N, C-alpha and C. Protein backbone atom coordinates (compact mmCIF):
# COMPACT_ATOMS: atom_id res chain seq x y z
N MET A 1 -0.86 19.70 -29.11
CA MET A 1 -1.78 18.65 -28.87
C MET A 1 -1.26 17.27 -28.38
N VAL A 2 -1.41 16.02 -26.79
CA VAL A 2 -0.85 15.39 -26.75
C VAL A 2 -1.36 14.29 -27.62
N MET A 3 -0.84 13.74 -28.56
CA MET A 3 -1.14 11.80 -28.94
C MET A 3 -1.11 10.88 -27.79
N LEU A 4 -2.54 10.42 -28.17
CA LEU A 4 -2.65 8.98 -27.78
C LEU A 4 -1.41 8.04 -27.43
N ALA A 5 -0.65 7.88 -28.59
CA ALA A 5 0.59 6.92 -27.88
C ALA A 5 1.52 7.53 -27.18
N ASP A 6 1.93 8.85 -27.33
CA ASP A 6 2.47 9.45 -26.33
C ASP A 6 2.13 9.42 -24.26
N VAL A 7 1.13 9.16 -24.38
CA VAL A 7 0.43 8.95 -23.18
C VAL A 7 0.28 7.75 -22.87
N ILE A 8 0.29 6.70 -23.81
CA ILE A 8 0.32 5.55 -23.22
C ILE A 8 1.67 4.63 -23.19
N LEU A 9 2.53 5.58 -23.82
CA LEU A 9 4.09 4.94 -23.97
C LEU A 9 4.67 5.96 -22.61
N SER A 10 4.50 6.89 -22.19
CA SER A 10 5.01 7.72 -21.41
C SER A 10 4.06 8.23 -20.25
N LEU A 11 3.82 7.83 -19.57
CA LEU A 11 3.33 7.76 -18.05
C LEU A 11 3.31 9.35 -17.77
N PRO A 12 1.95 10.49 -17.07
CA PRO A 12 2.46 11.41 -16.68
C PRO A 12 3.19 11.38 -15.09
N ALA A 13 3.91 12.47 -15.02
CA ALA A 13 4.96 12.00 -13.76
C ALA A 13 3.60 11.84 -12.38
N GLU A 14 2.82 11.89 -11.98
CA GLU A 14 1.50 12.21 -11.50
C GLU A 14 1.03 10.42 -11.55
N TRP A 15 1.44 9.98 -12.05
CA TRP A 15 0.74 8.28 -12.44
C TRP A 15 2.53 7.29 -12.32
N ARG A 16 3.30 7.75 -11.60
CA ARG A 16 4.54 7.17 -11.87
C ARG A 16 4.61 6.40 -10.85
N ASN A 17 4.67 5.16 -10.74
CA ASN A 17 5.34 4.65 -9.05
C ASN A 17 3.66 4.34 -8.42
N VAL A 18 2.71 4.31 -9.33
CA VAL A 18 1.26 4.00 -7.97
C VAL A 18 0.93 2.72 -8.58
N SER A 19 1.44 1.81 -9.24
CA SER A 19 0.65 1.09 -9.67
C SER A 19 0.76 -0.26 -8.94
N GLU A 20 2.07 -0.42 -7.80
CA GLU A 20 2.53 -1.16 -7.33
C GLU A 20 1.28 -1.19 -6.20
N LEU A 21 1.20 0.34 -5.59
CA LEU A 21 0.25 0.77 -4.66
C LEU A 21 -1.15 -0.12 -4.77
N PHE A 22 -1.10 0.64 -6.19
CA PHE A 22 -3.24 0.25 -6.64
C PHE A 22 -3.45 -1.11 -6.72
N VAL A 23 -2.06 -2.58 -6.81
CA VAL A 23 -1.94 -3.47 -6.72
C VAL A 23 -2.24 -3.72 -5.15
N ALA A 24 -1.40 -3.69 -4.62
CA ALA A 24 -1.53 -4.16 -2.97
C ALA A 24 -3.00 -3.88 -2.44
N LEU A 25 -3.21 -2.20 -2.67
CA LEU A 25 -4.57 -1.74 -2.14
C LEU A 25 -5.70 -2.72 -3.15
N GLY A 26 -5.43 -3.42 -3.72
CA GLY A 26 -6.95 -3.88 -4.87
C GLY A 26 -7.47 -5.25 -4.00
N ASP A 27 -6.16 -5.85 -3.21
CA ASP A 27 -6.70 -7.18 -3.28
C ASP A 27 -7.15 -6.90 -1.65
N GLU A 28 -8.82 -7.81 -1.46
CA GLU A 28 -9.52 -7.45 -0.18
C GLU A 28 -8.96 -7.69 1.34
N GLN A 29 -7.63 -9.16 1.09
CA GLN A 29 -7.13 -9.42 2.03
C GLN A 29 -6.28 -8.50 2.81
N ARG A 30 -5.50 -7.85 1.72
CA ARG A 30 -4.17 -6.77 2.23
C ARG A 30 -5.23 -5.73 2.88
N GLN A 31 -6.71 -4.90 2.27
CA GLN A 31 -7.40 -4.50 2.83
C GLN A 31 -8.00 -4.42 4.42
N ARG A 32 -8.07 -5.23 4.54
CA ARG A 32 -8.91 -6.24 5.72
C ARG A 32 -7.40 -6.09 6.54
N ILE A 33 -6.24 -6.34 6.01
CA ILE A 33 -5.12 -5.93 7.39
C ILE A 33 -4.73 -4.82 7.43
N LEU A 34 -4.96 -3.88 6.33
CA LEU A 34 -4.53 -2.24 6.75
C LEU A 34 -5.46 -1.91 7.81
N LEU A 35 -7.06 -2.34 7.77
CA LEU A 35 -7.44 -2.06 8.34
C LEU A 35 -8.04 -2.27 9.81
N THR A 36 -7.00 -3.16 10.06
CA THR A 36 -6.99 -3.95 11.15
C THR A 36 -5.78 -3.37 12.07
N PHE A 37 -5.17 -2.27 11.57
CA PHE A 37 -4.16 -1.45 12.30
C PHE A 37 -5.05 -0.20 12.73
N GLU A 38 -4.96 0.16 14.43
CA GLU A 38 -5.32 1.51 15.12
C GLU A 38 -4.79 2.89 14.42
N PRO A 39 -5.28 4.01 14.63
CA PRO A 39 -4.11 5.00 14.27
C PRO A 39 -2.99 5.09 14.84
N GLY A 40 -1.78 5.46 14.19
CA GLY A 40 -0.80 5.36 14.86
C GLY A 40 -0.04 3.89 15.79
N GLU A 41 -0.91 2.39 15.41
CA GLU A 41 -0.55 1.49 15.93
C GLU A 41 0.80 0.38 15.29
N ARG A 42 1.22 -0.12 15.64
CA ARG A 42 2.31 -0.91 14.81
C ARG A 42 2.18 -2.40 15.92
N LEU A 43 1.61 -3.06 14.95
CA LEU A 43 1.41 -4.41 15.31
C LEU A 43 2.56 -5.90 14.56
N ASN A 44 2.93 -6.72 15.70
CA ASN A 44 3.57 -7.61 14.83
C ASN A 44 2.90 -8.45 13.82
N VAL A 45 3.32 -10.06 13.34
CA VAL A 45 3.20 -10.46 12.56
C VAL A 45 1.82 -11.34 13.57
N THR A 46 2.28 -12.05 14.54
CA THR A 46 1.73 -12.64 15.71
C THR A 46 -0.17 -11.84 15.75
N GLN A 47 0.37 -10.82 16.08
CA GLN A 47 -0.83 -10.00 16.55
C GLN A 47 -1.73 -9.74 15.63
N ILE A 48 -1.24 -9.87 14.18
CA ILE A 48 -1.66 -9.66 12.82
C ILE A 48 -2.74 -11.06 12.72
N VAL A 49 -2.06 -12.14 12.53
CA VAL A 49 -2.94 -13.10 12.26
C VAL A 49 -4.20 -13.60 13.45
N ALA A 50 -3.64 -13.14 14.61
CA ALA A 50 -4.73 -13.49 15.40
C ALA A 50 -6.01 -12.52 15.42
N ALA A 51 -5.82 -11.59 14.78
CA ALA A 51 -6.84 -10.73 13.89
C ALA A 51 -7.83 -10.68 12.65
N SER A 52 -6.73 -11.76 12.28
CA SER A 52 -7.06 -12.28 10.57
C SER A 52 -7.78 -13.74 10.71
N THR A 53 -8.60 -14.35 10.09
CA THR A 53 -8.78 -15.61 9.33
C THR A 53 -7.18 -16.17 8.64
N LEU A 54 -6.78 -15.78 8.48
CA LEU A 54 -5.35 -16.27 7.63
C LEU A 54 -4.66 -17.14 8.12
N SER A 55 -3.83 -17.95 7.43
CA SER A 55 -2.44 -18.64 8.01
C SER A 55 -1.60 -17.41 7.97
N ARG A 56 -0.73 -17.98 8.89
CA ARG A 56 0.44 -16.97 9.25
C ARG A 56 1.38 -17.07 7.86
N THR A 57 1.31 -17.68 7.10
CA THR A 57 2.15 -17.30 5.94
C THR A 57 1.47 -16.68 4.62
N ALA A 58 0.16 -16.93 5.24
CA ALA A 58 -0.32 -16.43 4.39
C ALA A 58 -0.55 -14.57 4.77
N VAL A 59 -0.54 -13.89 5.53
CA VAL A 59 -0.60 -12.91 6.36
C VAL A 59 0.88 -11.89 6.21
N SER A 60 1.83 -13.15 5.99
CA SER A 60 3.57 -12.86 5.83
C SER A 60 3.77 -12.28 4.71
N HIS A 61 2.79 -13.07 3.93
CA HIS A 61 2.87 -12.89 2.20
C HIS A 61 2.25 -11.52 1.82
N HIS A 62 1.06 -11.36 2.62
CA HIS A 62 0.18 -9.79 2.46
C HIS A 62 1.02 -8.51 3.06
N LEU A 63 2.14 -8.81 4.24
CA LEU A 63 2.63 -7.72 4.82
C LEU A 63 3.77 -7.38 3.80
N LYS A 64 4.62 -8.58 3.24
CA LYS A 64 5.39 -8.46 2.28
C LYS A 64 5.49 -7.24 1.14
N VAL A 65 4.09 -7.69 0.39
CA VAL A 65 3.00 -7.26 -0.53
C VAL A 65 2.89 -5.46 -0.01
N LEU A 66 2.78 -5.50 0.93
CA LEU A 66 1.90 -4.61 1.26
C LEU A 66 3.13 -3.37 1.47
N ARG A 67 4.54 -4.12 2.36
CA ARG A 67 5.65 -3.11 2.50
C ARG A 67 6.40 -2.60 1.17
N GLN A 68 6.40 -3.59 0.46
CA GLN A 68 7.35 -3.68 -0.99
C GLN A 68 6.53 -2.24 -1.96
N ALA A 69 4.99 -2.58 -1.55
CA ALA A 69 4.48 -1.48 -2.39
C ALA A 69 4.31 0.63 -1.58
N GLY A 70 4.95 0.47 -0.54
CA GLY A 70 5.18 1.52 0.17
C GLY A 70 3.87 1.88 1.33
N ALA A 71 2.69 0.92 1.59
CA ALA A 71 1.76 0.81 2.09
C ALA A 71 1.98 0.64 3.99
N LEU A 72 3.54 -0.18 4.06
CA LEU A 72 3.26 -0.44 5.62
C LEU A 72 4.80 0.16 5.53
N HIS A 73 5.16 0.74 7.19
CA HIS A 73 6.78 0.30 7.03
C HIS A 73 6.74 -0.71 8.00
N SER A 74 8.40 -0.96 8.29
CA SER A 74 8.20 -2.01 9.49
C SER A 74 9.67 -1.63 9.79
N GLU A 75 9.79 -2.10 11.33
CA GLU A 75 10.85 -2.71 12.03
C GLU A 75 11.45 -3.68 12.98
N LYS A 76 11.95 -3.85 12.90
CA LYS A 76 12.84 -5.20 13.61
C LYS A 76 13.15 -4.76 15.03
N ILE A 77 12.61 -5.26 15.92
CA ILE A 77 13.00 -4.75 17.35
C ILE A 77 13.42 -6.50 18.21
N GLY A 78 14.20 -6.61 18.67
CA GLY A 78 14.69 -7.81 18.75
C GLY A 78 14.75 -8.81 17.78
N LYS A 79 13.78 -9.98 18.63
CA LYS A 79 13.29 -11.21 17.62
C LYS A 79 11.85 -10.59 16.66
N GLU A 80 11.18 -9.53 16.71
CA GLU A 80 10.17 -8.97 16.24
C GLU A 80 10.11 -8.20 15.45
N VAL A 81 9.38 -8.47 14.41
CA VAL A 81 9.18 -7.60 13.24
C VAL A 81 7.61 -6.54 13.64
N TYR A 82 7.92 -5.17 13.86
CA TYR A 82 6.50 -4.49 14.04
C TYR A 82 6.48 -3.61 12.20
N PHE A 83 4.90 -3.65 12.69
CA PHE A 83 4.54 -3.18 11.69
C PHE A 83 3.63 -2.03 11.66
N TRP A 84 3.67 -0.86 10.69
CA TRP A 84 2.64 0.38 10.89
C TRP A 84 1.76 0.78 9.61
N VAL A 85 1.35 1.46 9.49
CA VAL A 85 0.69 1.62 8.20
C VAL A 85 0.93 3.06 7.69
N ALA A 86 1.67 3.15 6.34
CA ALA A 86 2.54 4.76 5.61
C ALA A 86 1.50 5.10 5.21
N GLY A 87 0.75 5.67 6.49
CA GLY A 87 -0.49 6.94 5.81
C GLY A 87 -0.02 7.99 4.81
N GLU A 88 1.25 8.93 5.35
CA GLU A 88 1.75 9.55 4.14
C GLU A 88 2.02 9.16 3.06
N HIS A 89 2.37 8.36 2.64
CA HIS A 89 2.77 7.72 1.32
C HIS A 89 1.46 7.34 0.53
N ILE A 90 0.58 6.73 1.28
CA ILE A 90 -0.61 6.45 0.82
C ILE A 90 -1.58 7.65 0.60
N THR A 91 -1.27 8.71 1.15
CA THR A 91 -2.68 9.87 1.16
C THR A 91 -1.56 10.29 -0.21
N GLU A 92 0.21 10.75 -0.20
CA GLU A 92 0.22 11.57 -1.09
C GLU A 92 0.45 10.81 -2.75
N THR A 93 0.03 9.33 -2.94
CA THR A 93 0.31 9.02 -4.23
C THR A 93 -1.19 9.38 -4.31
N LEU A 94 -1.80 8.81 -4.02
CA LEU A 94 -3.44 9.13 -4.27
C LEU A 94 -3.87 10.44 -4.76
N GLN A 95 -3.43 11.30 -3.92
CA GLN A 95 -3.40 12.84 -3.88
C GLN A 95 -3.09 12.99 -5.20
N ARG A 96 -1.80 12.49 -5.72
CA ARG A 96 -1.41 12.89 -7.06
C ARG A 96 -2.10 12.42 -8.31
N VAL A 97 -3.00 11.22 -8.05
CA VAL A 97 -3.77 10.86 -9.18
C VAL A 97 -4.94 11.15 -9.14
N VAL A 98 -5.76 11.77 -7.96
CA VAL A 98 -6.55 12.77 -7.76
C VAL A 98 -6.72 14.18 -8.41
N GLU A 99 -5.69 14.87 -8.27
CA GLU A 99 -5.61 15.87 -8.88
C GLU A 99 -5.56 15.81 -10.50
N TYR A 100 -4.52 14.58 -10.85
CA TYR A 100 -4.39 14.47 -12.20
C TYR A 100 -5.33 14.81 -12.93
N VAL A 101 -6.33 13.60 -12.28
CA VAL A 101 -8.03 13.42 -12.66
C VAL A 101 -8.42 14.60 -12.90
N LYS A 102 -8.54 15.59 -11.35
CA LYS A 102 -9.32 16.57 -11.52
C LYS A 102 -8.53 17.52 -13.00
N ASN A 103 -7.81 17.92 -13.18
CA ASN A 103 -6.62 18.54 -13.56
C ASN A 103 -7.04 18.19 -15.05
N ASN A 104 -7.47 17.29 -15.09
CA ASN A 104 -7.23 16.57 -16.91
C ASN A 104 -8.37 15.93 -17.34
N THR A 105 -9.37 16.18 -17.25
CA THR A 105 -10.85 15.51 -17.60
C THR A 105 -11.71 16.37 -17.58
């Protein structure tokens, strides 16, 4: 039998490394930024700012959080940095959590 204290102190493997993504996805502004992207689309900061009501500084901050959490990929081409949704990482992370919940509740 698993002790409650053991669960609290040691997260199951399925739950490791998900908090950063959940925090990133938990913000409505960051959700809006992710929803700006069409499937397979790459956008730079200027394009994202144009589609947003946020300042360039605010968008840059949110992009940094999303990238660090693994929700966005980025690539610098010339002077521009292009971003695109890291759908495989988001899907894999959420699937791990869903499977754990299905199998343990």
